[in-house]
Structure formats: C-alpha cells, structure tokens
C-alpha atoms as a PDB file:
ATOM      1  CA  MET A   1     225.127 161.910 163.389  1.00  0.00           C
ATOM      2  CA  ARG A   2     226.549 165.057 162.339  1.00  0.00           C
ATOM      3  CA  LEU A   3     226.960 163.696 158.703  1.00  0.00           C
ATOM      4  CA  LEU A   4     223.500 162.335 158.937  1.00  0.00           C
ATOM      5  CA  SER A   5     222.059 165.935 159.689  1.00  0.00           C
ATOM      6  CA  LYS A   6     224.152 167.353 156.992  1.00  0.00           C
ATOM      7  CA  LEU A   7     223.160 164.617 154.140  1.00  0.00           C
ATOM      8  CA  ASN A   8     219.420 165.050 154.875  1.00  0.00           C
ATOM      9  CA  HIS A   9     219.206 168.180 152.852  1.00  0.00           C
ATOM     10  CA  TRP A  10     220.421 166.299 149.759  1.00  0.00           C
ATOM     11  CA  LEU A  11     218.321 163.102 149.751  1.00  0.00           C
ATOM     12  CA  MET A  12     216.825 163.256 146.208  1.00  0.00           C
ATOM     13  CA  PHE A  13     215.353 159.716 145.714  1.00  0.00           C
ATOM     14  CA  ASP A  14     211.894 160.805 144.957  1.00  0.00           C
ATOM     15  CA  VAL A  15     213.046 163.540 142.697  1.00  0.00           C
ATOM     16  CA  PHE A  16     215.228 161.235 140.862  1.00  0.00           C
ATOM     17  CA  MET A  17     212.500 158.772 140.327  1.00  0.00           C
ATOM     18  CA  LEU A  18     210.326 161.458 138.873  1.00  0.00           C
ATOM     19  CA  ALA A  19     213.090 162.346 136.472  1.00  0.00           C
ATOM     20  CA  LEU A  20     213.259 158.880 135.366  1.00  0.00           C
ATOM     21  CA  ILE A  21     209.548 158.549 134.418  1.00  0.00           C
ATOM     22  CA  VAL A  22     210.070 162.127 132.596  1.00  0.00           C
ATOM     23  CA  ALA A  23     213.162 160.757 130.663  1.00  0.00           C
ATOM     24  CA  VAL A  24     211.268 157.324 129.610  1.00  0.00           C
ATOM     25  CA  VAL A  25     208.427 159.285 128.343  1.00  0.00           C
ATOM     26  CA  LYS A  26     211.091 161.447 126.332  1.00  0.00           C
ATOM     27  CA  LEU A  27     212.898 158.280 125.126  1.00  0.00           C
ATOM     28  CA  SER A  28     209.758 156.640 124.052  1.00  0.00           C
ATOM     29  CA  GLY A  29     209.543 158.822 120.930  1.00  0.00           C
ATOM     30  CA  LEU A  30     213.092 157.617 119.671  1.00  0.00           C
ATOM     31  CA  ALA A  31     212.939 154.015 120.747  1.00  0.00           C
ATOM     32  CA  ASP A  32     210.767 151.328 122.774  1.00  0.00           C
ATOM     33  CA  VAL A  33     211.361 151.642 126.339  1.00  0.00           C
ATOM     34  CA  SER A  34     210.342 149.171 128.954  1.00  0.00           C
ATOM     35  CA  PRO A  35     210.901 149.007 132.601  1.00  0.00           C
ATOM     36  CA  GLY A  36     213.677 146.470 133.762  1.00  0.00           C
ATOM     37  CA  ILE A  37     214.371 144.739 137.146  1.00  0.00           C
ATOM     38  CA  GLY A  38     216.510 147.653 138.092  1.00  0.00           C
ATOM     39  CA  LEU A  39     213.869 150.226 138.034  1.00  0.00           C
ATOM     40  CA  TRP A  40     211.709 148.131 140.379  1.00  0.00           C
ATOM     41  CA  ALA A  41     214.640 147.595 142.562  1.00  0.00           C
ATOM     42  CA  PHE A  42     215.310 151.423 142.742  1.00  0.00           C
ATOM     43  CA  LEU A  43     211.734 152.013 143.459  1.00  0.00           C
ATOM     44  CA  ALA A  44     211.875 149.618 146.476  1.00  0.00           C
ATOM     45  CA  LEU A  45     215.093 151.300 147.616  1.00  0.00           C
ATOM     46  CA  MET A  46     213.602 154.734 147.368  1.00  0.00           C
ATOM     47  CA  PHE A  47     210.753 153.577 149.617  1.00  0.00           C
ATOM     48  CA  ALA A  48     213.234 151.801 152.052  1.00  0.00           C
ATOM     49  CA  SER A  49     215.540 154.714 152.269  1.00  0.00           C
ATOM     50  CA  ILE A  50     212.933 157.432 152.872  1.00  0.00           C
ATOM     51  CA  SER A  51     210.865 155.403 155.364  1.00  0.00           C
ATOM     52  CA  SER A  52     214.073 154.442 157.197  1.00  0.00           C
ATOM     53  CA  ILE A  53     215.029 158.066 157.759  1.00  0.00           C
ATOM     54  CA  ALA A  54     211.579 159.303 158.383  1.00  0.00           C
ATOM     55  CA  SER A  55     211.224 156.615 161.214  1.00  0.00           C
ATOM     56  CA  TYR A  56     214.898 157.187 162.703  1.00  0.00           C
ATOM     57  CA  ASP A  57     214.298 159.180 166.003  1.00  0.00           C
ATOM     58  CA  THR A  58     217.726 161.231 166.269  1.00  0.00           C
ATOM     59  CA  HIS A  59     216.213 163.053 169.514  1.00  0.00           C
ATOM     60  CA  GLY A  60     215.844 159.363 170.888  1.00  0.00           C
ATOM     61  CA  VAL A  61     219.395 158.677 170.060  1.00  0.00           C
ATOM     62  CA  TRP A  62     220.835 162.062 171.759  1.00  0.00           C
ATOM     63  CA  ASP A  63     218.404 161.393 174.709  1.00  0.00           C
ATOM     64  CA  ARG A  64     220.015 158.346 175.417  1.00  0.00           C
ATOM     65  CA  TYR A  65     223.427 159.687 174.847  1.00  0.00           C
ATOM     66  CA  SER A  66     222.523 162.320 177.295  1.00  0.00           C
ATOM     67  CA  SER A  67     221.529 159.692 180.005  1.00  0.00           C
ATOM     68  CA  VAL A  68     225.059 158.220 179.641  1.00  0.00           C
ATOM     69  CA  LEU A  69     226.567 161.714 180.031  1.00  0.00           C
ATOM     70  CA  ALA A  70     224.281 162.518 182.933  1.00  0.00           C
ATOM     71  CA  ARG A  71     225.797 159.857 185.061  1.00  0.00           C
ATOM     72  CA  GLN A  72     229.219 161.181 184.121  1.00  0.00           C
ATOM     73  CA  GLN A  73     228.297 164.497 185.723  1.00  0.00           C
ATOM     74  CA  LEU A  74     227.162 166.409 182.548  1.00  0.00           C
ATOM     75  CA  SER A  75     227.567 170.188 182.985  1.00  0.00           C
ATOM     76  CA  PRO A  76     224.750 171.792 184.787  1.00  0.00           C
ATOM     77  CA  GLY A  77     224.451 174.523 182.526  1.00  0.00           C
ATOM     78  CA  ALA A  78     223.369 172.289 179.831  1.00  0.00           C
ATOM     79  CA  VAL A  79     219.805 171.089 180.223  1.00  0.00           C
ATOM     80  CA  LYS A  80     217.060 170.502 177.868  1.00  0.00           C
ATOM     81  CA  GLY A  81     215.262 173.383 176.435  1.00  0.00           C
ATOM     82  CA  GLY A  82     211.904 172.493 177.897  1.00  0.00           C
ATOM     83  CA  ASP A  83     213.388 172.049 181.291  1.00  0.00           C
ATOM     84  CA  ARG A  84     215.402 175.132 181.236  1.00  0.00           C
ATOM     85  CA  LEU A  85     212.249 177.261 180.286  1.00  0.00           C
ATOM     86  CA  ALA A  86     210.431 175.826 183.028  1.00  0.00           C
ATOM     87  CA  GLU A  87     213.049 176.520 185.513  1.00  0.00           C
ATOM     88  CA  SER A  88     213.573 180.070 184.541  1.00  0.00           C
ATOM     89  CA  GLY A  89     209.909 180.947 183.920  1.00  0.00           C
ATOM     90  CA  ALA A  90     210.991 182.711 180.834  1.00  0.00           C
ATOM     91  CA  MET A  91     208.660 181.219 178.231  1.00  0.00           C
ATOM     92  CA  GLY A  92     208.117 184.613 176.489  1.00  0.00           C
ATOM     93  CA  ARG A  93     211.831 185.196 176.146  1.00  0.00           C
ATOM     94  CA  THR A  94     214.327 184.148 173.313  1.00  0.00           C
ATOM     95  CA  GLY A  95     217.515 182.147 173.963  1.00  0.00           C
ATOM     96  CA  LEU A  96     219.551 185.148 172.636  1.00  0.00           C
ATOM     97  CA  THR A  97     218.346 187.295 175.444  1.00  0.00           C
ATOM     98  CA  ARG A  98     218.853 184.623 177.969  1.00  0.00           C
ATOM     99  CA  HIS A  99     222.577 183.921 176.715  1.00  0.00           C
ATOM    100  CA  SER A 100     221.391 180.379 175.414  1.00  0.00           C
ATOM    101  CA  ALA A 101     222.035 178.679 172.233  1.00  0.00           C
ATOM    102  CA  THR A 102     220.637 175.474 170.793  1.00  0.00           C
ATOM    103  CA  CYS A 103     223.213 173.172 169.126  1.00  0.00           C
ATOM    104  CA  ASN A 104     222.547 172.792 165.468  1.00  0.00           C
ATOM    105  CA  THR A 105     223.895 169.203 165.491  1.00  0.00           C
ATOM    106  CA  CYS A 106     222.168 167.775 168.532  1.00  0.00           C
ATOM    107  CA  GLY A 107     219.637 170.150 169.629  1.00  0.00           C
ATOM    108  CA  LEU A 108     220.581 170.583 173.172  1.00  0.00           C
ATOM    109  CA  LEU A 109     220.124 174.086 174.917  1.00  0.00           C
ATOM    110  CA  SER A 110     223.347 175.125 176.556  1.00  0.00           C
ATOM    111  CA  ASP A 111     224.852 178.444 178.059  1.00  0.00           C
ATOM    112  CA  CYS A 112     226.510 180.649 175.400  1.00  0.00           C
ATOM    113  CA  HIS A 113     227.514 183.614 177.431  1.00  0.00           C
ATOM    114  CA  PRO A 114     229.407 186.214 175.257  1.00  0.00           C
ATOM    115  CA  SER A 115     232.252 186.328 177.800  1.00  0.00           C
ATOM    116  CA  VAL A 116     232.950 182.676 176.903  1.00  0.00           C
ATOM    117  CA  GLU A 117     235.348 182.219 174.009  1.00  0.00           C
ATOM    118  CA  SER A 118     234.317 179.866 171.238  1.00  0.00           C
ATOM    119  CA  PRO A 119     231.794 177.917 173.350  1.00  0.00           C
ATOM    120  CA  VAL A 120     231.031 174.335 172.636  1.00  0.00           C
ATOM    121  CA  CYS A 121     228.195 172.048 173.094  1.00  0.00           C
ATOM    122  CA  PRO A 122     228.854 169.781 176.261  1.00  0.00           C
ATOM    123  CA  ARG A 123     227.106 166.853 174.355  1.00  0.00           C
ATOM    124  CA  CYS A 124     228.513 166.666 170.984  1.00  0.00           C
ATOM    125  CA  ASP A 125     231.427 169.183 171.024  1.00  0.00           C
ATOM    126  CA  ASP A 126     229.986 171.255 168.226  1.00  0.00           C
ATOM    127  CA  THR A 127     230.355 174.827 168.385  1.00  0.00           C
ATOM    128  CA  LEU A 128     227.770 176.999 169.484  1.00  0.00           C
ATOM    129  CA  HIS A 129     226.368 180.083 167.952  1.00  0.00           C
ATOM    130  CA  PRO A 130     223.411 182.087 169.252  1.00  0.00           C
ATOM    131  CA  ARG A 131     222.690 182.682 165.484  1.00  0.00           C
ATOM    132  CA  LYS A 132     223.907 181.311 162.330  1.00  0.00           C
ATOM    133  CA  VAL A 133     227.241 183.236 161.465  1.00  0.00           C
ATOM    134  CA  ASP A 134     226.837 186.030 158.918  1.00  0.00           C
ATOM    135  CA  SER A 135     223.445 184.655 158.229  1.00  0.00           C
ATOM    136  CA  LEU A 136     222.061 187.823 156.184  1.00  0.00           C
ATOM    137  CA  ASN A 137     225.373 188.471 154.582  1.00  0.00           C
ATOM    138  CA  ARG A 138     225.838 185.007 153.201  1.00  0.00           C
ATOM    139  CA  THR A 139     222.072 184.590 152.313  1.00  0.00           C
ATOM    140  CA  TRP A 140     221.980 188.007 150.309  1.00  0.00           C
ATOM    141  CA  ALA A 141     225.448 186.952 148.450  1.00  0.00           C
ATOM    142  CA  LEU A 142     223.992 183.608 147.356  1.00  0.00           C
ATOM    143  CA  LEU A 143     220.662 185.170 146.295  1.00  0.00           C
ATOM    144  CA  ILE A 144     222.296 187.707 144.058  1.00  0.00           C
ATOM    145  CA  ALA A 145     224.490 184.770 142.674  1.00  0.00           C
ATOM    146  CA  GLY A 146     221.122 183.142 142.128  1.00  0.00           C
ATOM    147  CA  TYR A 147     219.245 186.123 140.251  1.00  0.00           C
ATOM    148  CA  VAL A 148     222.345 186.297 137.701  1.00  0.00           C
ATOM    149  CA  LEU A 149     222.460 182.458 136.963  1.00  0.00           C
ATOM    150  CA  PHE A 150     218.809 182.357 136.462  1.00  0.00           C
ATOM    151  CA  ILE A 151     218.849 184.296 133.407  1.00  0.00           C
ATOM    152  CA  PRO A 152     221.212 182.212 131.333  1.00  0.00           C
ATOM    153  CA  ALA A 153     219.681 179.114 132.852  1.00  0.00           C
ATOM    154  CA  ASN A 154     216.535 179.913 130.922  1.00  0.00           C
ATOM    155  CA  LEU A 155     217.859 181.568 127.920  1.00  0.00           C
ATOM    156  CA  LEU A 156     220.553 179.212 127.088  1.00  0.00           C
ATOM    157  CA  PRO A 157     219.842 175.681 125.695  1.00  0.00           C
ATOM    158  CA  ILE A 158     219.713 172.928 128.480  1.00  0.00           C
ATOM    159  CA  THR A 159     219.967 170.196 125.897  1.00  0.00           C
ATOM    160  CA  ILE A 160     221.473 169.846 122.291  1.00  0.00           C
ATOM    161  CA  THR A 161     219.924 167.141 120.136  1.00  0.00           C
ATOM    162  CA  THR A 162     221.896 165.977 117.093  1.00  0.00           C
ATOM    163  CA  SER A 163     220.134 163.665 114.704  1.00  0.00           C
ATOM    164  CA  LEU A 164     220.035 163.072 110.754  1.00  0.00           C
ATOM    165  CA  PHE A 165     217.766 166.065 110.621  1.00  0.00           C
ATOM    166  CA  GLY A 166     220.202 168.473 111.994  1.00  0.00           C
ATOM    167  CA  THR A 167     221.033 169.978 115.371  1.00  0.00           C
ATOM    168  CA  GLN A 168     218.240 171.112 117.680  1.00  0.00           C
ATOM    169  CA  PRO A 169     218.821 173.222 120.759  1.00  0.00           C
ATOM    170  CA  ASP A 170     216.078 173.029 123.638  1.00  0.00           C
ATOM    171  CA  THR A 171     215.559 175.490 126.462  1.00  0.00           C
ATOM    172  CA  ILE A 172     213.521 174.598 129.477  1.00  0.00           C
ATOM    173  CA  MET A 173     210.473 176.281 128.069  1.00  0.00           C
ATOM    174  CA  SER A 174     210.858 174.534 124.776  1.00  0.00           C
ATOM    175  CA  GLY A 175     210.948 171.201 126.707  1.00  0.00           C
ATOM    176  CA  VAL A 176     207.699 172.275 128.457  1.00  0.00           C
ATOM    177  CA  ALA A 177     206.106 173.050 125.107  1.00  0.00           C
ATOM    178  CA  TYR A 178     207.417 169.512 123.623  1.00  0.00           C
ATOM    179  CA  PHE A 179     205.291 167.641 126.446  1.00  0.00           C
ATOM    180  CA  TRP A 180     202.560 169.896 125.926  1.00  0.00           C
ATOM    181  CA  HIS A 181     202.511 169.303 122.252  1.00  0.00           C
ATOM    182  CA  GLU A 182     202.754 165.419 122.689  1.00  0.00           C
ATOM    183  CA  GLY A 183     199.530 165.567 124.938  1.00  0.00           C
ATOM    184  CA  ALA A 184     201.696 164.825 128.140  1.00  0.00           C
ATOM    185  CA  TYR A 185     200.047 167.723 129.965  1.00  0.00           C
ATOM    186  CA  ASP A 186     200.942 166.454 133.544  1.00  0.00           C
ATOM    187  CA  LEU A 187     204.427 166.194 132.909  1.00  0.00           C
ATOM    188  CA  ALA A 188     204.559 169.662 131.276  1.00  0.00           C
ATOM    189  CA  ILE A 189     203.012 171.137 134.294  1.00  0.00           C
ATOM    190  CA  ILE A 190     205.334 169.316 136.558  1.00  0.00           C
ATOM    191  CA  ILE A 191     208.287 170.339 134.761  1.00  0.00           C
ATOM    192  CA  PHE A 192     207.313 174.038 134.333  1.00  0.00           C
ATOM    193  CA  THR A 193     206.522 174.231 138.158  1.00  0.00           C
ATOM    194  CA  ALA A 194     209.573 172.502 139.238  1.00  0.00           C
ATOM    195  CA  SER A 195     212.198 174.055 136.658  1.00  0.00           C
ATOM    196  CA  ILE A 196     210.788 177.587 136.481  1.00  0.00           C
ATOM    197  CA  PHE A 197     208.032 178.649 138.946  1.00  0.00           C
ATOM    198  CA  VAL A 198     209.521 176.844 142.078  1.00  0.00           C
ATOM    199  CA  PRO A 199     213.143 178.461 141.512  1.00  0.00           C
ATOM    200  CA  LEU A 200     211.854 181.769 140.968  1.00  0.00           C
ATOM    201  CA  LEU A 201     209.282 181.780 143.687  1.00  0.00           C
ATOM    202  CA  LYS A 202     212.116 180.292 145.824  1.00  0.00           C
ATOM    203  CA  LEU A 203     214.361 183.326 144.792  1.00  0.00           C
ATOM    204  CA  LEU A 204     211.568 185.989 145.528  1.00  0.00           C
ATOM    205  CA  SER A 205     210.449 184.314 148.978  1.00  0.00           C
ATOM    206  CA  LEU A 206     214.106 184.336 150.314  1.00  0.00           C
ATOM    207  CA  THR A 207     214.427 187.784 149.189  1.00  0.00           C
ATOM    208  CA  PHE A 208     211.404 188.807 151.234  1.00  0.00           C
ATOM    209  CA  LEU A 209     212.470 186.785 154.188  1.00  0.00           C
ATOM    210  CA  ALA A 210     215.843 188.241 154.214  1.00  0.00           C
ATOM    211  CA  TRP A 211     214.847 191.878 153.602  1.00  0.00           C
ATOM    212  CA  SER A 212     212.043 191.585 156.621  1.00  0.00           C
ATOM    213  CA  ALA A 213     214.672 190.129 158.707  1.00  0.00           C
ATOM    214  CA  GLN A 214     217.062 192.661 158.029  1.00  0.00           C
ATOM    215  CA  ARG A 215     214.239 195.684 158.206  1.00  0.00           C
ATOM    216  CA  ARG A 216     213.472 193.890 161.815  1.00  0.00           C
ATOM    217  CA  MET A 217     209.802 193.545 160.850  1.00  0.00           C
ATOM    218  CA  THR A 218     207.456 192.230 163.334  1.00  0.00           C
ATOM    219  CA  TRP A 219     204.516 191.442 160.927  1.00  0.00           C
ATOM    220  CA  GLU A 220     203.357 187.811 161.161  1.00  0.00           C
ATOM    221  CA  SER A 221     206.480 185.948 162.097  1.00  0.00           C
ATOM    222  CA  GLN A 222     204.846 182.726 162.432  1.00  0.00           C
ATOM    223  CA  GLN A 223     203.477 183.142 158.663  1.00  0.00           C
ATOM    224  CA  ARG A 224     206.907 183.804 157.671  1.00  0.00           C
ATOM    225  CA  THR A 225     208.516 181.129 159.325  1.00  0.00           C
ATOM    226  CA  ARG A 226     206.084 178.773 157.623  1.00  0.00           C
ATOM    227  CA  LEU A 227     207.066 180.288 154.353  1.00  0.00           C
ATOM    228  CA  TYR A 228     210.585 179.471 155.033  1.00  0.00           C
ATOM    229  CA  ARG A 229     209.750 175.880 155.846  1.00  0.00           C
ATOM    230  CA  LEU A 230     207.869 175.574 152.501  1.00  0.00           C
ATOM    231  CA  VAL A 231     210.816 177.200 150.573  1.00  0.00           C
ATOM    232  CA  GLU A 232     213.359 174.807 152.362  1.00  0.00           C
ATOM    233  CA  PHE A 233     211.062 171.765 151.428  1.00  0.00           C
ATOM    234  CA  VAL A 234     210.277 172.230 147.744  1.00  0.00           C
ATOM    235  CA  GLY A 235     214.023 173.299 147.009  1.00  0.00           C
ATOM    236  CA  LYS A 236     215.128 169.993 145.907  1.00  0.00           C
ATOM    237  CA  TRP A 237     212.656 169.346 143.284  1.00  0.00           C
ATOM    238  CA  SER A 238     214.115 171.947 141.100  1.00  0.00           C
ATOM    239  CA  MET A 239     216.798 169.213 140.435  1.00  0.00           C
ATOM    240  CA  LEU A 240     214.214 167.535 138.125  1.00  0.00           C
ATOM    241  CA  ASP A 241     215.535 168.872 134.902  1.00  0.00           C
ATOM    242  CA  ILE A 242     219.208 168.366 135.811  1.00  0.00           C
ATOM    243  CA  PHE A 243     218.628 164.729 136.594  1.00  0.00           C
ATOM    244  CA  VAL A 244     216.506 164.270 133.244  1.00  0.00           C
ATOM    245  CA  VAL A 245     219.294 166.075 131.120  1.00  0.00           C
ATOM    246  CA  ALA A 246     221.827 163.696 132.846  1.00  0.00           C
ATOM    247  CA  MET A 247     220.100 160.471 131.979  1.00  0.00           C
ATOM    248  CA  LEU A 248     219.222 161.479 128.399  1.00  0.00           C
ATOM    249  CA  ALA A 249     222.819 162.633 127.635  1.00  0.00           C
ATOM    250  CA  ARG A 250     224.028 159.361 128.988  1.00  0.00           C
ATOM    251  CA  LEU A 251     221.382 156.976 127.343  1.00  0.00           C
ATOM    252  CA  VAL A 252     220.734 158.700 123.912  1.00  0.00           C
ATOM    253  CA  GLN A 253     224.177 157.855 121.881  1.00  0.00           C
ATOM    254  CA  PHE A 254     222.799 156.251 118.879  1.00  0.00           C
ATOM    255  CA  SER A 255     226.102 156.666 116.871  1.00  0.00           C
ATOM    256  CA  SER A 256     225.285 158.995 114.052  1.00  0.00           C
ATOM    257  CA  LEU A 257     221.854 158.430 114.346  1.00  0.00           C
ATOM    258  CA  ALA A 258     221.038 160.586 117.359  1.00  0.00           C
ATOM    259  CA  SER A 259     222.486 161.875 120.471  1.00  0.00           C
ATOM    260  CA  ILE A 260     221.683 164.303 123.148  1.00  0.00           C
ATOM    261  CA  GLU A 261     224.242 166.248 125.157  1.00  0.00           C
ATOM    262  CA  ALA A 262     224.119 168.789 128.097  1.00  0.00           C
ATOM    263  CA  GLY A 263     223.852 172.488 126.930  1.00  0.00           C
ATOM    264  CA  PRO A 264     225.384 175.478 128.783  1.00  0.00           C
ATOM    265  CA  GLY A 265     221.989 176.072 130.185  1.00  0.00           C
ATOM    266  CA  ALA A 266     222.112 172.937 132.212  1.00  0.00           C
ATOM    267  CA  LEU A 267     225.191 174.039 134.217  1.00  0.00           C
ATOM    268  CA  ALA A 268     223.758 177.576 134.731  1.00  0.00           C
ATOM    269  CA  PHE A 269     220.436 175.904 136.105  1.00  0.00           C
ATOM    270  CA  ALA A 270     222.369 173.507 138.286  1.00  0.00           C
ATOM    271  CA  ALA A 271     224.181 176.347 139.790  1.00  0.00           C
ATOM    272  CA  VAL A 272     220.841 178.141 140.412  1.00  0.00           C
ATOM    273  CA  VAL A 273     219.301 175.058 142.266  1.00  0.00           C
ATOM    274  CA  VAL A 274     222.460 174.593 144.187  1.00  0.00           C
ATOM    275  CA  VAL A 275     222.705 178.241 145.197  1.00  0.00           C
ATOM    276  CA  THR A 276     219.292 178.646 146.314  1.00  0.00           C
ATOM    277  CA  MET A 277     219.472 175.402 148.403  1.00  0.00           C
ATOM    278  CA  PHE A 278     222.722 176.828 150.341  1.00  0.00           C
ATOM    279  CA  ALA A 279     220.790 180.244 150.369  1.00  0.00           C
ATOM    280  CA  ALA A 280     217.976 178.475 152.365  1.00  0.00           C
ATOM    281  CA  MET A 281     220.378 176.818 154.660  1.00  0.00           C
ATOM    282  CA  ALA A 282     222.395 179.913 155.265  1.00  0.00           C
ATOM    283  CA  PHE A 283     219.033 181.879 156.329  1.00  0.00           C
ATOM    284  CA  ASP A 284     218.359 181.523 160.036  1.00  0.00           C
ATOM    285  CA  PRO A 285     214.486 181.689 160.646  1.00  0.00           C
ATOM    286  CA  ARG A 286     215.024 182.784 164.398  1.00  0.00           C
ATOM    287  CA  LEU A 287     216.055 186.204 162.895  1.00  0.00           C
ATOM    288  CA  LEU A 288     212.368 186.633 162.073  1.00  0.00           C
ATOM    289  CA  TRP A 289     211.306 186.369 165.766  1.00  0.00           C
ATOM    290  CA  ASP A 290     214.192 188.354 167.558  1.00  0.00           C
ATOM    291  CA  PRO A 291     212.461 191.727 166.718  1.00  0.00           C
ATOM    292  CA  LEU A 292     209.486 190.499 169.123  1.00  0.00           C
ATOM    293  CA  GLU A 293     211.516 190.348 172.164  1.00  0.00           C
ATOM    294  CA  LYS A 294     211.374 193.825 173.713  1.00  0.00           C
ATOM    295  CA  ASN A 295     214.367 193.121 175.747  1.00  0.00           C
ATOM    296  CA  ASN A 296     216.595 192.038 173.031  1.00  0.00           C
ATOM    297  CA  CYS A 297     219.909 194.107 173.040  1.00  0.00           C
ATOM    298  CA  SER A 298     220.516 195.580 169.449  1.00  0.00           C
ATOM    299  CA  GLY A 299     224.266 195.646 170.213  1.00  0.00           C
ATOM    300  CA  GLU A 300     224.694 191.907 170.300  1.00  0.00           C
ATOM    301  CA  ASN A 301     225.514 189.981 167.096  1.00  0.00           C
ATOM    302  CA  ARG A 302     222.224 188.546 165.674  1.00  0.00           C
ATOM    303  CA  ASP A 303     223.845 187.080 162.475  1.00  0.00           C
END
C-alpha cells in the first residue's frame, strides 16, 4: 500500500501514448509508418491500468484493516478524522493546534503530541509528522534548481538529426515551429503547452505558493490550494518531449542515411520536469491554511 501511494505520482501511460502519436507524425516524414498490434495492445493496457487504479478504493482497504485492528483493541488515541472532530467539537481548528497528525500513507488521524518522540501511526506503523519535514526549505531548493535548469533546457538542442544533408540541432521551440510549418497545428500547440508553458507556469505557481506560505498570507487559501492541486496534476505532462526524444533516438537509426540522438537540452529538460515534480510533492498545502488558525502557536515546527 505504501508503494502504491508513491507510484501513483509516476503513472504516465497517457503522456507516453500522446508522445507515441507525436513521434509517429514526425517519423512519417522519413518513412511509411503504420500502427501495429502492439500499439493497440498498449492502448488497451493504458485504459485498463488507469481504470483499475481510479476504481481501487484505498480508503476502503484501510477501513477493513482498521476493523481488524479494532477487534485487537486499537489504541484509543487513533480514530477517524471525522469522528475525532465531531467528538472534540473543534471543526474550526486545525490538527496542528490539537496535536493531531494525518498519516501520509493510510490517512488515519492520530495523536501526535510534541512530547512524544518519533510518533508512529498505530495502523500502518509509518512515522507521523504534523507537517511535511522541512517543506518550505526543500521546495525553495528544488525551485531554484528548476529555474537554473530551465535556461539550458530551452537554449540547448534537445535532438540532433544527422542525415546526408548534414547535421541539424533542434531545440524545443524549433520542434514547435516544425509541426506548425507542416500544418500539424494541434500537435504544435500541445508541445508548446506541455514543454514550455506548463513547466514555466508550474515554477511560477509553486514560487508564489511557497512565498505566500512563508509570508503566512491569509488571502484566498482555498483558491491557492486549488492552484496547488492543478499544478500537481499537470506536472507529469511536461514529460511529453522526453518520451518523444527517447523514441526517436531509438527508432531513427538508418545507418548513414539518417539518425537522431538526444542532445544536452534533453537531459536538462528531463531534470527540470523531475525537479518540479519533486518540488510539488515537497510542498505542504496545509501551510496555506495554518495562518487562519488564530490559536496556532508560532513556536511549533510548521514545516
């Protein structure tokens, strides 16, 4: 169950399928390309995998496990979040001020008093933290790395094409221009959005969220939380160009006639995507709500 919660961030069947379409369109200019049975099998695999994960009720599994533990006299300090809030009558208070923490693995709300050293979840034995450890520090470090890598990712060639007519390096923007010139306007817009607009917007959005959390702003916490959810959702789509480059570099090896290999910009761009995904996972959106708690003790470790 722990492994499943971690791997969900890296499920990219849909991104890879779109990259396949982009690669096929680009290859059609070099050779005749037709879909094989493996492509249709992969399409079915994509729908089956996404559907199975979307329909899998992790909360139901943990609830059934909790019923077993309840018969084994589960610790009275660990109850479901809704029951605990109802019993305490503290619907307007955060778990931080009530010395409670939600387990990041199974979602159980448990006691997490500062006096207890290294508290663990009574249901899954995972370590409990009121907030993600060093959330803002790690987010800022990853964002700075993302901004630094974003420059070579867009200036250096992402692919290097060698043919009888010479060697042609292509950046992300030149790839967008190629599809636009060939009349594939939809693919050009998709690549520009996924490879340039989304990574930059994600960096700027996470910067704003981290800055507002550090400044303890109380402005529109709900809207900022929705912005974070959106940023976390669209982050994986920036891997589109990396998948396209990987497939083209493997498929286009026509001896001395033509070959495509990944350029230094591909490595930098892949690093940008991975770094920004880790930055989104490192940021704790609960920090956006903590300033609204009037009784919140500023001396506690919020990160």
